[in-house]
Amino acid sequence: MTREEQAVETFAKGFNCAQSVLSAFSEDFGLDKILAFKMTNGLGGGVRCGEVCGALNGGAMVVGLNCGYFDEKDLEQKGFCNNKTYEFIERFKEENGSMLCREILGMDIRVPTDFTRPEVRERHDSVCPKIVASAVRILESMEFESGSQG
């Protein structure tokens, strides 16, 4: 099963978009899948209020796992990872039209009870799997083989 298929299947099981994206890559970095699910629980639905898409948030975490810096003196790696995060965001926006959950869904979901409305659930079920797949495809196509720690 590809990472894209895995992420979409995870989403179909009821996990949110951030959980689905990060978990598809977690084992590549020795990150326990349960921990990945827990870390990203609050990021779905645009941090539960329609803001930055959870698939984008989960993807940004994957970028960090790929190239994040951990030595405070390594400004080269910090800059490299910042640029890769920006690249991911720009490609995500280009492919999906926005980075905001409510804009991608085309519905205002700023209140937690908004997620229970049938029309929101319908959009969620039809739109979000495509967004999850998009985030995974973008991440898989990115080059992370540079930077001082890469």
Protein backbone atom coordinates (compact mmCIF):
# COMPACT_ATOMS: atom_id res chain seq x y z
CA MET A 1 0.00 0.00 0.00
CA THR A 2 1.37 3.44 -0.89
CA ARG A 3 1.63 6.21 1.68
CA GLU A 4 -1.13 8.06 -0.16
CA GLU A 5 -3.44 5.03 0.05
CA GLN A 6 -2.48 4.50 3.68
CA ALA A 7 -3.27 8.12 4.57
CA VAL A 8 -6.64 8.06 2.79
CA GLU A 9 -7.52 4.74 4.44
CA THR A 10 -6.56 6.13 7.85
CA PHE A 11 -8.79 9.13 7.20
CA ALA A 12 -11.67 6.84 6.16
CA LYS A 13 -11.34 5.05 9.51
CA GLY A 14 -12.21 8.31 11.29
CA PHE A 15 -8.83 9.85 12.00
CA ASN A 16 -8.47 13.51 11.10
CA CYS A 17 -6.47 14.90 8.19
CA ALA A 18 -3.39 15.80 10.25
CA GLN A 19 -3.33 12.36 11.87
CA SER A 20 -3.70 10.72 8.48
CA VAL A 21 -0.82 12.61 6.88
CA LEU A 22 1.69 12.36 9.74
CA SER A 23 0.94 8.72 10.47
CA ALA A 24 1.64 7.76 6.85
CA PHE A 25 5.27 8.88 7.40
CA SER A 26 5.73 8.31 11.14
CA GLU A 27 7.39 4.92 11.01
CA ASP A 28 9.99 6.22 8.54
CA PHE A 29 11.29 8.37 11.39
CA GLY A 30 10.86 5.91 14.24
CA LEU A 31 7.84 7.83 15.50
CA ASP A 32 5.32 5.54 17.13
CA LYS A 33 2.02 5.69 15.23
CA ILE A 34 0.00 6.06 18.44
CA LEU A 35 2.14 9.03 19.45
CA ALA A 36 1.70 10.51 15.95
CA PHE A 37 -2.08 10.17 16.30
CA LYS A 38 -2.02 11.81 19.73
CA MET A 39 0.26 14.67 18.65
CA THR A 40 -1.99 15.64 15.76
CA ASN A 41 -5.38 15.05 17.37
CA GLY A 42 -6.14 18.74 17.87
CA LEU A 43 -4.95 19.84 14.43
CA GLY A 44 -7.78 18.42 12.33
CA GLY A 45 -10.50 20.70 11.02
CA GLY A 46 -8.07 23.57 10.84
CA VAL A 47 -7.09 23.33 14.51
CA ARG A 48 -10.77 22.60 15.20
CA CYS A 49 -11.88 26.03 13.98
CA GLY A 50 -11.46 26.11 10.20
CA GLU A 51 -8.05 27.76 10.17
CA VAL A 52 -4.89 26.16 8.71
CA CYS A 53 -5.84 22.79 7.16
CA GLY A 54 -4.89 19.79 9.26
CA ALA A 55 -3.35 18.04 6.25
CA LEU A 56 -1.05 21.06 5.88
CA ASN A 57 -0.24 21.01 9.61
CA GLY A 58 0.52 17.28 9.53
CA GLY A 59 2.61 17.83 6.41
CA ALA A 60 4.60 20.60 8.05
CA MET A 61 5.43 18.14 10.82
CA VAL A 62 6.66 15.68 8.19
CA VAL A 63 8.87 18.41 6.71
CA GLY A 64 10.33 18.97 10.18
CA LEU A 65 10.98 15.27 10.61
CA ASN A 66 12.78 15.26 7.26
CA CYS A 67 15.00 18.28 7.76
CA GLY A 68 14.29 20.07 11.03
CA TYR A 69 17.24 21.53 12.86
CA PHE A 70 18.13 20.56 16.42
CA ASP A 71 21.41 22.41 16.98
CA GLU A 72 20.66 26.03 17.87
CA LYS A 73 23.88 27.11 16.17
CA ASP A 74 23.04 25.46 12.86
CA LEU A 75 21.37 28.39 11.16
CA GLU A 76 22.02 26.84 7.76
CA GLN A 77 19.80 23.86 8.58
CA LYS A 78 17.20 26.12 10.19
CA GLY A 79 17.04 28.19 7.02
CA PHE A 80 16.95 25.09 4.84
CA CYS A 81 14.00 23.61 6.74
CA ASN A 82 12.19 26.96 6.80
CA ASN A 83 12.53 27.11 3.01
CA LYS A 84 11.27 23.52 2.64
CA THR A 85 8.28 24.32 4.84
CA TYR A 86 7.54 27.37 2.71
CA GLU A 87 7.88 25.24 -0.45
CA PHE A 88 5.41 22.71 0.95
CA ILE A 89 2.92 25.44 1.89
CA GLU A 90 3.11 27.13 -1.50
CA ARG A 91 2.70 23.88 -3.40
CA PHE A 92 -0.20 22.90 -1.15
CA LYS A 93 -1.94 26.24 -1.74
CA GLU A 94 -1.35 26.00 -5.49
CA GLU A 95 -2.79 22.50 -5.69
CA ASN A 96 -5.69 23.00 -3.28
CA GLY A 97 -6.58 26.67 -3.72
CA SER A 98 -6.01 27.65 -0.11
CA MET A 99 -4.34 26.65 3.11
CA LEU A 100 -7.44 27.36 5.22
CA CYS A 101 -9.76 24.49 6.05
CA ARG A 102 -12.94 26.57 5.80
CA GLU A 103 -11.93 27.89 2.37
CA ILE A 104 -11.04 24.42 1.10
CA LEU A 105 -14.37 23.08 2.36
CA GLY A 106 -16.22 26.18 1.20
CA MET A 107 -18.00 26.38 4.55
CA ASP A 108 -17.60 28.30 7.78
CA ILE A 109 -16.65 25.84 10.52
CA ARG A 110 -15.37 28.13 13.25
CA VAL A 111 -17.54 26.62 15.99
CA PRO A 112 -17.08 23.00 17.11
CA THR A 113 -20.76 22.20 16.57
CA ASP A 114 -20.39 23.20 12.90
CA PHE A 115 -18.67 19.85 12.29
CA THR A 116 -21.90 18.01 13.11
CA ARG A 117 -23.98 19.72 10.43
CA PRO A 118 -24.88 17.25 7.63
CA GLU A 119 -23.68 19.56 4.86
CA VAL A 120 -20.30 19.95 6.58
CA ARG A 121 -20.00 16.18 7.07
CA GLU A 122 -20.82 15.67 3.38
CA ARG A 123 -18.13 18.15 2.26
CA HIS A 124 -15.70 16.67 4.77
CA ASP A 125 -16.24 13.17 3.38
CA SER A 126 -15.94 14.25 -0.26
CA VAL A 127 -13.21 16.92 -0.11
CA CYS A 128 -10.85 16.00 2.72
CA PRO A 129 -9.61 12.62 1.40
CA LYS A 130 -8.43 14.42 -1.74
CA ILE A 131 -6.63 17.02 0.37
CA VAL A 132 -4.97 14.32 2.49
CA ALA A 133 -3.80 12.55 -0.69
CA SER A 134 -2.53 15.84 -2.10
CA ALA A 135 -0.43 16.60 0.99
CA VAL A 136 1.15 13.15 0.89
CA ARG A 137 1.91 13.39 -2.85
CA ILE A 138 3.53 16.80 -2.42
CA LEU A 139 5.68 15.56 0.48
CA GLU A 140 6.79 12.49 -1.45
CA SER A 141 7.86 14.64 -4.39
CA MET A 142 9.97 17.02 -2.31
CA GLU A 143 13.76 16.82 -2.15
CA PHE A 144 15.22 16.89 1.37
CA GLU A 145 18.82 15.87 0.62
CA SER A 146 20.48 19.20 1.47
CA GLY A 147 21.22 21.34 4.45
CA SER A 148 24.05 20.80 6.88
CA GLN A 149 22.23 18.08 8.86
CA GLY A 150 20.47 16.48 5.86
